[in-house]
Amino acid sequence: MITDKSKPFSYRSDVVSALAEEIASSDEKVIVVHGGGSFGHSVARQYGLSSSSSTFNAAGVPQTRNAMYELNHLVCKTMMEFKLNPYPFSPFDILSRAKTGAAAQWLRGLLKANLTPVTFGDVSLFSDGFRILSGDLIVLELAKVLRADRCVFALDADGVYEGDSRVIIPELTPTKIRKMRMPPGDDATGGIKTKLEVAAKVASLGARAYFVSGYRRNEFSKAVRGLDFYGTVVKA
């Protein structure tokens, strides 16, 4: 959504600017997690990297990571224009600190200092090889660490649709999501299927997950504030 996935390395600065402006005006303490878009995903596909399978072939790892850091730089640069004070960090900072229980304290310290933590999907070496750690799974980890009350997924759609129709499902539960038939995602990290699975787990933690269009800035703003909005809410 913040890139044009049909065009490699195409950054939509106007979209990010609109979202950044709404976050800034909300006065909410927000942590931003962005995906790879036409930066990371296009390179990852080229080298066969994904979040669902691993490989010990290191080809493509530096190129994919470089693409992600390039996109992160652009996102943070745009956020700075709206005085959001972005603080970019590797997702592995959370994973390592979570084991010691220091992650929540570290993140809350950044937020208290009027900084906006920003992280992103990345590539890591696991026991079975190199695999992408998706932004969606990072959202789940952050929800656990901070005991968040809501997570907002900004999409290039108005929410979750009913089957192949354009009818929005206004509300979902973890049980309903588990019963849904969802096709495999068409990107390197599972697409909407992974997002819904993560949303179900977020809801099971007691939080709410909001699916809203990133192109409808007013609706996005309502979701950030926890207000009624046009889209899909996932709750237990």
C-alpha atoms as a PDB file:
ATOM      1  CA  MET A   1       0.000   0.000   0.000  1.00  0.00           C
ATOM      2  CA  ILE A   2       2.865   2.409   0.712  1.00  0.00           C
ATOM      3  CA  THR A   3       4.423   1.178  -2.532  1.00  0.00           C
ATOM      4  CA  ASP A   4       3.094   0.127  -5.927  1.00  0.00           C
ATOM      5  CA  LYS A   5       3.720  -3.621  -5.893  1.00  0.00           C
ATOM      6  CA  SER A   6       3.421  -3.768  -9.683  1.00  0.00           C
ATOM      7  CA  LYS A   7       6.485  -1.527  -9.990  1.00  0.00           C
ATOM      8  CA  PRO A   8       9.679  -2.542  -8.162  1.00  0.00           C
ATOM      9  CA  PHE A   9      11.069   0.147  -5.838  1.00  0.00           C
ATOM     10  CA  SER A  10       8.102   2.506  -6.254  1.00  0.00           C
ATOM     11  CA  TYR A  11       7.476   4.532  -3.100  1.00  0.00           C
ATOM     12  CA  ARG A  12       4.141   6.280  -2.562  1.00  0.00           C
ATOM     13  CA  SER A  13       5.254   9.292  -0.594  1.00  0.00           C
ATOM     14  CA  ASP A  14       1.795  10.879  -0.853  1.00  0.00           C
ATOM     15  CA  VAL A  15       0.182   7.895   0.906  1.00  0.00           C
ATOM     16  CA  VAL A  16       2.791   7.802   3.671  1.00  0.00           C
ATOM     17  CA  SER A  17       2.498  11.557   4.107  1.00  0.00           C
ATOM     18  CA  ALA A  18      -1.276  11.317   4.564  1.00  0.00           C
ATOM     19  CA  LEU A  19      -0.983   8.505   7.116  1.00  0.00           C
ATOM     20  CA  ALA A  20       1.842  10.248   8.958  1.00  0.00           C
ATOM     21  CA  GLU A  21      -0.184  13.440   9.185  1.00  0.00           C
ATOM     22  CA  GLU A  22      -3.155  11.559  10.655  1.00  0.00           C
ATOM     23  CA  ILE A  23      -0.957   9.772  13.204  1.00  0.00           C
ATOM     24  CA  ALA A  24       0.647  13.067  14.206  1.00  0.00           C
ATOM     25  CA  SER A  25      -2.716  14.769  14.695  1.00  0.00           C
ATOM     26  CA  SER A  26      -4.157  11.849  16.696  1.00  0.00           C
ATOM     27  CA  ASP A  27      -1.908  12.449  19.733  1.00  0.00           C
ATOM     28  CA  GLU A  28      -1.790   8.672  20.158  1.00  0.00           C
ATOM     29  CA  LYS A  29       1.389   6.834  21.135  1.00  0.00           C
ATOM     30  CA  VAL A  30       2.021   4.689  18.066  1.00  0.00           C
ATOM     31  CA  ILE A  31       4.558   2.095  16.961  1.00  0.00           C
ATOM     32  CA  VAL A  32       4.805   1.758  13.179  1.00  0.00           C
ATOM     33  CA  VAL A  33       5.500  -1.555  11.441  1.00  0.00           C
ATOM     34  CA  HIS A  34       5.749  -1.549   7.658  1.00  0.00           C
ATOM     35  CA  GLY A  35       6.107  -4.358   5.161  1.00  0.00           C
ATOM     36  CA  GLY A  36       8.417  -4.778   2.212  1.00  0.00           C
ATOM     37  CA  GLY A  37       6.086  -3.710  -0.572  1.00  0.00           C
ATOM     38  CA  SER A  38       7.712  -3.463  -3.979  1.00  0.00           C
ATOM     39  CA  PHE A  39      11.090  -3.128  -2.285  1.00  0.00           C
ATOM     40  CA  GLY A  40      11.647  -6.205  -0.106  1.00  0.00           C
ATOM     41  CA  HIS A  41       8.996  -8.452  -1.642  1.00  0.00           C
ATOM     42  CA  SER A  42      10.153  -8.021  -5.237  1.00  0.00           C
ATOM     43  CA  VAL A  43      13.744  -8.898  -4.326  1.00  0.00           C
ATOM     44  CA  ALA A  44      12.726 -11.753  -2.000  1.00  0.00           C
ATOM     45  CA  ARG A  45      10.613 -13.384  -4.717  1.00  0.00           C
ATOM     46  CA  GLN A  46      13.482 -13.098  -7.144  1.00  0.00           C
ATOM     47  CA  TYR A  47      15.689 -15.164  -4.826  1.00  0.00           C
ATOM     48  CA  GLY A  48      13.024 -17.512  -3.469  1.00  0.00           C
ATOM     49  CA  LEU A  49      13.000 -16.105   0.060  1.00  0.00           C
ATOM     50  CA  SER A  50       9.759 -16.312   2.043  1.00  0.00           C
ATOM     51  CA  SER A  51       8.332 -16.527   5.547  1.00  0.00           C
ATOM     52  CA  SER A  52       6.851 -20.005   4.957  1.00  0.00           C
ATOM     53  CA  SER A  53       9.997 -21.914   4.000  1.00  0.00           C
ATOM     54  CA  SER A  54      13.713 -21.646   4.705  1.00  0.00           C
ATOM     55  CA  THR A  55      16.859 -21.935   2.653  1.00  0.00           C
ATOM     56  CA  PHE A  56      20.543 -22.145   3.503  1.00  0.00           C
ATOM     57  CA  ASN A  57      21.351 -20.373   0.238  1.00  0.00           C
ATOM     58  CA  ALA A  58      22.475 -16.888   1.257  1.00  0.00           C
ATOM     59  CA  ALA A  59      22.004 -15.498  -2.242  1.00  0.00           C
ATOM     60  CA  GLY A  60      19.558 -12.639  -2.097  1.00  0.00           C
ATOM     61  CA  VAL A  61      19.784 -12.084   1.666  1.00  0.00           C
ATOM     62  CA  PRO A  62      21.883  -8.892   1.512  1.00  0.00           C
ATOM     63  CA  GLN A  63      19.905  -7.584  -1.461  1.00  0.00           C
ATOM     64  CA  THR A  64      16.573  -8.148   0.307  1.00  0.00           C
ATOM     65  CA  ARG A  65      17.751  -6.606   3.551  1.00  0.00           C
ATOM     66  CA  ASN A  66      19.204  -3.617   1.699  1.00  0.00           C
ATOM     67  CA  ALA A  67      15.856  -3.076  -0.052  1.00  0.00           C
ATOM     68  CA  MET A  68      14.026  -3.146   3.280  1.00  0.00           C
ATOM     69  CA  TYR A  69      16.398  -0.662   4.872  1.00  0.00           C
ATOM     70  CA  GLU A  70      16.058   1.581   1.817  1.00  0.00           C
ATOM     71  CA  LEU A  71      12.260   1.609   2.187  1.00  0.00           C
ATOM     72  CA  ASN A  72      12.533   2.173   5.930  1.00  0.00           C
ATOM     73  CA  HIS A  73      14.746   5.187   5.300  1.00  0.00           C
ATOM     74  CA  LEU A  74      12.125   6.688   2.968  1.00  0.00           C
ATOM     75  CA  VAL A  75       9.292   6.045   5.440  1.00  0.00           C
ATOM     76  CA  CYS A  76      11.203   7.634   8.299  1.00  0.00           C
ATOM     77  CA  LYS A  77      12.205  10.603   6.163  1.00  0.00           C
ATOM     78  CA  THR A  78       8.537  11.254   5.347  1.00  0.00           C
ATOM     79  CA  MET A  79       7.523  10.867   8.996  1.00  0.00           C
ATOM     80  CA  MET A  80      10.100  13.454  10.018  1.00  0.00           C
ATOM     81  CA  GLU A  81       8.290  16.016   7.866  1.00  0.00           C
ATOM     82  CA  PHE A  82       5.343  15.721  10.266  1.00  0.00           C
ATOM     83  CA  LYS A  83       7.479  15.853  13.410  1.00  0.00           C
ATOM     84  CA  LEU A  84       6.722  12.242  14.363  1.00  0.00           C
ATOM     85  CA  ASN A  85      10.359  11.780  15.456  1.00  0.00           C
ATOM     86  CA  PRO A  86      10.796   8.287  13.970  1.00  0.00           C
ATOM     87  CA  TYR A  87      13.135   5.903  15.762  1.00  0.00           C
ATOM     88  CA  PRO A  88      13.929   3.075  13.305  1.00  0.00           C
ATOM     89  CA  PHE A  89      14.986  -0.211  14.846  1.00  0.00           C
ATOM     90  CA  SER A  90      15.600  -3.778  13.739  1.00  0.00           C
ATOM     91  CA  PRO A  91      12.830  -6.222  14.687  1.00  0.00           C
ATOM     92  CA  PHE A  92      15.507  -8.398  16.258  1.00  0.00           C
ATOM     93  CA  ASP A  93      15.851  -5.782  19.006  1.00  0.00           C
ATOM     94  CA  ILE A  94      12.371  -6.805  20.141  1.00  0.00           C
ATOM     95  CA  LEU A  95      12.958 -10.540  19.864  1.00  0.00           C
ATOM     96  CA  SER A  96      16.176 -10.387  21.876  1.00  0.00           C
ATOM     97  CA  ARG A  97      14.815  -8.015  24.511  1.00  0.00           C
ATOM     98  CA  ALA A  98      11.553  -9.928  24.837  1.00  0.00           C
ATOM     99  CA  LYS A  99      13.484 -12.894  26.216  1.00  0.00           C
ATOM    100  CA  THR A 100      14.832 -10.770  29.044  1.00  0.00           C
ATOM    101  CA  GLY A 101      11.563  -8.933  29.671  1.00  0.00           C
ATOM    102  CA  ALA A 102      13.170  -5.597  28.779  1.00  0.00           C
ATOM    103  CA  ALA A 103      11.342  -5.003  25.497  1.00  0.00           C
ATOM    104  CA  ALA A 104       8.266  -3.290  26.981  1.00  0.00           C
ATOM    105  CA  GLN A 105      10.360  -0.981  29.156  1.00  0.00           C
ATOM    106  CA  TRP A 106      12.586  -0.072  26.203  1.00  0.00           C
ATOM    107  CA  LEU A 107       9.670   0.685  23.862  1.00  0.00           C
ATOM    108  CA  ARG A 108       7.719   2.645  26.470  1.00  0.00           C
ATOM    109  CA  GLY A 109      10.841   4.654  27.162  1.00  0.00           C
ATOM    110  CA  LEU A 110      11.051   5.619  23.487  1.00  0.00           C
ATOM    111  CA  LEU A 111       7.364   6.579  23.410  1.00  0.00           C
ATOM    112  CA  LYS A 112       7.709   8.606  26.617  1.00  0.00           C
ATOM    113  CA  ALA A 113      10.603  10.476  25.021  1.00  0.00           C
ATOM    114  CA  ASN A 114       8.182  11.543  22.244  1.00  0.00           C
ATOM    115  CA  LEU A 115       9.736   9.227  19.671  1.00  0.00           C
ATOM    116  CA  THR A 116       7.819   7.018  17.235  1.00  0.00           C
ATOM    117  CA  PRO A 117       9.424   3.557  17.027  1.00  0.00           C
ATOM    118  CA  VAL A 118       9.465   2.232  13.454  1.00  0.00           C
ATOM    119  CA  THR A 119      10.346  -1.314  12.450  1.00  0.00           C
ATOM    120  CA  PHE A 120       9.834  -3.590   9.447  1.00  0.00           C
ATOM    121  CA  GLY A 121      10.005  -7.103   8.054  1.00  0.00           C
ATOM    122  CA  ASP A 122      13.524  -8.475   7.743  1.00  0.00           C
ATOM    123  CA  VAL A 123      15.524 -11.600   6.872  1.00  0.00           C
ATOM    124  CA  SER A 124      17.161 -13.725   9.553  1.00  0.00           C
ATOM    125  CA  LEU A 125      19.053 -16.968   9.956  1.00  0.00           C
ATOM    126  CA  PHE A 126      16.984 -19.549  11.831  1.00  0.00           C
ATOM    127  CA  SER A 127      17.999 -23.089  12.749  1.00  0.00           C
ATOM    128  CA  ASP A 128      16.635 -24.363   9.421  1.00  0.00           C
ATOM    129  CA  GLY A 129      18.034 -21.586   7.245  1.00  0.00           C
ATOM    130  CA  PHE A 130      17.273 -18.058   6.077  1.00  0.00           C
ATOM    131  CA  ARG A 131      13.657 -16.966   6.305  1.00  0.00           C
ATOM    132  CA  ILE A 132      11.729 -13.714   6.257  1.00  0.00           C
ATOM    133  CA  LEU A 133      10.402 -12.434   9.558  1.00  0.00           C
ATOM    134  CA  SER A 134       7.243 -10.707   8.371  1.00  0.00           C
ATOM    135  CA  GLY A 135       5.952  -7.392   9.643  1.00  0.00           C
ATOM    136  CA  ASP A 136       2.674  -9.094  10.579  1.00  0.00           C
ATOM    137  CA  LEU A 137       4.419 -11.455  13.003  1.00  0.00           C
ATOM    138  CA  ILE A 138       6.304  -8.501  14.454  1.00  0.00           C
ATOM    139  CA  VAL A 139       2.939  -6.849  15.131  1.00  0.00           C
ATOM    140  CA  LEU A 140       1.899  -9.938  17.092  1.00  0.00           C
ATOM    141  CA  GLU A 141       5.099  -9.878  19.132  1.00  0.00           C
ATOM    142  CA  LEU A 142       4.628  -6.184  19.883  1.00  0.00           C
ATOM    143  CA  ALA A 143       1.023  -6.814  20.947  1.00  0.00           C
ATOM    144  CA  LYS A 144       2.247  -9.457  23.386  1.00  0.00           C
ATOM    145  CA  VAL A 145       5.111  -7.376  24.744  1.00  0.00           C
ATOM    146  CA  LEU A 146       3.123  -4.171  25.235  1.00  0.00           C
ATOM    147  CA  ARG A 147      -0.270  -5.720  25.968  1.00  0.00           C
ATOM    148  CA  ALA A 148      -1.654  -3.435  23.292  1.00  0.00           C
ATOM    149  CA  ASP A 149      -5.337  -2.626  23.225  1.00  0.00           C
ATOM    150  CA  ARG A 150      -5.503  -2.296  19.437  1.00  0.00           C
ATOM    151  CA  CYS A 151      -3.513  -2.947  16.275  1.00  0.00           C
ATOM    152  CA  VAL A 152      -4.332  -1.206  12.992  1.00  0.00           C
ATOM    153  CA  PHE A 153      -3.634  -2.857   9.629  1.00  0.00           C
ATOM    154  CA  ALA A 154      -3.656  -0.232   6.859  1.00  0.00           C
ATOM    155  CA  LEU A 155      -4.531  -1.977   3.582  1.00  0.00           C
ATOM    156  CA  ASP A 156      -5.078  -1.253  -0.085  1.00  0.00           C
ATOM    157  CA  ALA A 157      -8.638  -2.534   0.490  1.00  0.00           C
ATOM    158  CA  ASP A 158     -11.497  -1.206   2.623  1.00  0.00           C
ATOM    159  CA  GLY A 159     -11.307  -4.152   5.011  1.00  0.00           C
ATOM    160  CA  VAL A 160     -11.893  -7.900   4.814  1.00  0.00           C
ATOM    161  CA  TYR A 161     -14.288  -8.857   2.032  1.00  0.00           C
ATOM    162  CA  GLU A 162     -16.961 -11.538   2.050  1.00  0.00           C
ATOM    163  CA  GLY A 163     -15.618 -14.198  -0.327  1.00  0.00           C
ATOM    164  CA  ASP A 164     -14.979 -12.827  -3.805  1.00  0.00           C
ATOM    165  CA  SER A 165     -17.448  -9.983  -3.341  1.00  0.00           C
ATOM    166  CA  ARG A 166     -16.760  -6.360  -2.480  1.00  0.00           C
ATOM    167  CA  VAL A 167     -18.938  -6.610   0.622  1.00  0.00           C
ATOM    168  CA  ILE A 168     -17.074  -5.684   3.795  1.00  0.00           C
ATOM    169  CA  ILE A 169     -17.289  -7.999   6.805  1.00  0.00           C
ATOM    170  CA  PRO A 170     -17.714  -5.459   9.644  1.00  0.00           C
ATOM    171  CA  GLU A 171     -16.729  -7.811  12.472  1.00  0.00           C
ATOM    172  CA  LEU A 172     -14.818 -11.070  12.854  1.00  0.00           C
ATOM    173  CA  THR A 173     -13.818 -13.282  15.759  1.00  0.00           C
ATOM    174  CA  PRO A 174     -10.887 -15.705  16.050  1.00  0.00           C
ATOM    175  CA  THR A 175     -13.360 -18.579  15.695  1.00  0.00           C
ATOM    176  CA  LYS A 176     -14.801 -17.163  12.465  1.00  0.00           C
ATOM    177  CA  ILE A 177     -11.327 -16.582  11.050  1.00  0.00           C
ATOM    178  CA  ARG A 178     -10.304 -20.166  11.739  1.00  0.00           C
ATOM    179  CA  LYS A 179     -13.343 -21.344   9.749  1.00  0.00           C
ATOM    180  CA  MET A 180     -12.650 -19.085   6.775  1.00  0.00           C
ATOM    181  CA  ARG A 181     -11.247 -20.518   3.575  1.00  0.00           C
ATOM    182  CA  MET A 182      -8.385 -18.310   2.554  1.00  0.00           C
ATOM    183  CA  PRO A 183      -6.156 -18.767  -0.496  1.00  0.00           C
ATOM    184  CA  PRO A 184      -2.379 -18.735   0.054  1.00  0.00           C
ATOM    185  CA  GLY A 185      -0.891 -15.268   0.000  1.00  0.00           C
ATOM    186  CA  ASP A 186       0.626 -14.049  -3.245  1.00  0.00           C
ATOM    187  CA  ASP A 187       3.574 -12.251  -1.698  1.00  0.00           C
ATOM    188  CA  ALA A 188       6.644 -13.367   0.236  1.00  0.00           C
ATOM    189  CA  THR A 189       4.940 -13.183   3.625  1.00  0.00           C
ATOM    190  CA  GLY A 190       1.470 -14.637   3.128  1.00  0.00           C
ATOM    191  CA  GLY A 191      -0.667 -11.597   2.304  1.00  0.00           C
ATOM    192  CA  ILE A 192      -4.110 -11.204   3.889  1.00  0.00           C
ATOM    193  CA  LYS A 193      -4.095 -14.828   5.099  1.00  0.00           C
ATOM    194  CA  THR A 194      -1.197 -14.160   7.480  1.00  0.00           C
ATOM    195  CA  LYS A 195      -2.693 -10.845   8.558  1.00  0.00           C
ATOM    196  CA  LEU A 196      -5.974 -12.505   9.533  1.00  0.00           C
ATOM    197  CA  GLU A 197      -4.193 -15.297  11.395  1.00  0.00           C
ATOM    198  CA  VAL A 198      -2.187 -12.693  13.308  1.00  0.00           C
ATOM    199  CA  ALA A 199      -5.338 -10.640  13.952  1.00  0.00           C
ATOM    200  CA  ALA A 200      -7.021 -13.710  15.441  1.00  0.00           C
ATOM    201  CA  LYS A 201      -4.113 -14.190  17.840  1.00  0.00           C
ATOM    202  CA  VAL A 202      -4.086 -10.472  18.694  1.00  0.00           C
ATOM    203  CA  ALA A 203      -7.798 -10.673  19.521  1.00  0.00           C
ATOM    204  CA  SER A 204      -7.191 -13.753  21.672  1.00  0.00           C
ATOM    205  CA  LEU A 205      -4.795 -11.620  23.718  1.00  0.00           C
ATOM    206  CA  GLY A 206      -7.673  -9.267  24.517  1.00  0.00           C
ATOM    207  CA  ALA A 207      -6.834  -6.583  21.961  1.00  0.00           C
ATOM    208  CA  ARG A 208      -8.680  -5.541  18.827  1.00  0.00           C
ATOM    209  CA  ALA A 209      -7.320  -5.673  15.297  1.00  0.00           C
ATOM    210  CA  TYR A 210      -8.588  -3.140  12.775  1.00  0.00           C
ATOM    211  CA  PHE A 211      -8.447  -3.631   8.992  1.00  0.00           C
ATOM    212  CA  VAL A 212      -8.890  -0.281   7.264  1.00  0.00           C
ATOM    213  CA  SER A 213      -8.003   1.306   3.935  1.00  0.00           C
ATOM    214  CA  GLY A 214      -4.792   3.269   3.994  1.00  0.00           C
ATOM    215  CA  TYR A 215      -6.228   5.402   1.217  1.00  0.00           C
ATOM    216  CA  ARG A 216      -9.168   6.597   3.336  1.00  0.00           C
ATOM    217  CA  ARG A 217      -7.288   8.842   5.713  1.00  0.00           C
ATOM    218  CA  ASN A 218     -10.370   9.797   7.731  1.00  0.00           C
ATOM    219  CA  GLU A 219     -11.245   6.153   8.359  1.00  0.00           C
ATOM    220  CA  PHE A 220      -7.614   5.365   9.158  1.00  0.00           C
ATOM    221  CA  SER A 221      -7.610   8.232  11.652  1.00  0.00           C
ATOM    222  CA  LYS A 222     -10.718   6.852  13.365  1.00  0.00           C
ATOM    223  CA  ALA A 223      -9.126   3.403  13.623  1.00  0.00           C
ATOM    224  CA  VAL A 224      -5.938   4.835  15.144  1.00  0.00           C
ATOM    225  CA  ARG A 225      -8.063   6.590  17.762  1.00  0.00           C
ATOM    226  CA  GLY A 226     -10.126   3.474  18.477  1.00  0.00           C
ATOM    227  CA  LEU A 227     -13.330   5.022  17.116  1.00  0.00           C
ATOM    228  CA  ASP A 228     -16.002   3.467  14.902  1.00  0.00           C
ATOM    229  CA  PHE A 229     -14.709   3.287  11.335  1.00  0.00           C
ATOM    230  CA  TYR A 230     -15.499   1.810   7.922  1.00  0.00           C
ATOM    231  CA  GLY A 231     -13.666  -1.491   7.712  1.00  0.00           C
ATOM    232  CA  THR A 232     -13.322  -4.737   9.656  1.00  0.00           C
ATOM    233  CA  VAL A 233     -12.680  -5.181  13.364  1.00  0.00           C
ATOM    234  CA  VAL A 234     -11.429  -8.469  14.788  1.00  0.00           C
ATOM    235  CA  LYS A 235     -12.213  -9.053  18.447  1.00  0.00           C
ATOM    236  CA  ALA A 236     -12.698 -11.991  20.785  1.00  0.00           C
END
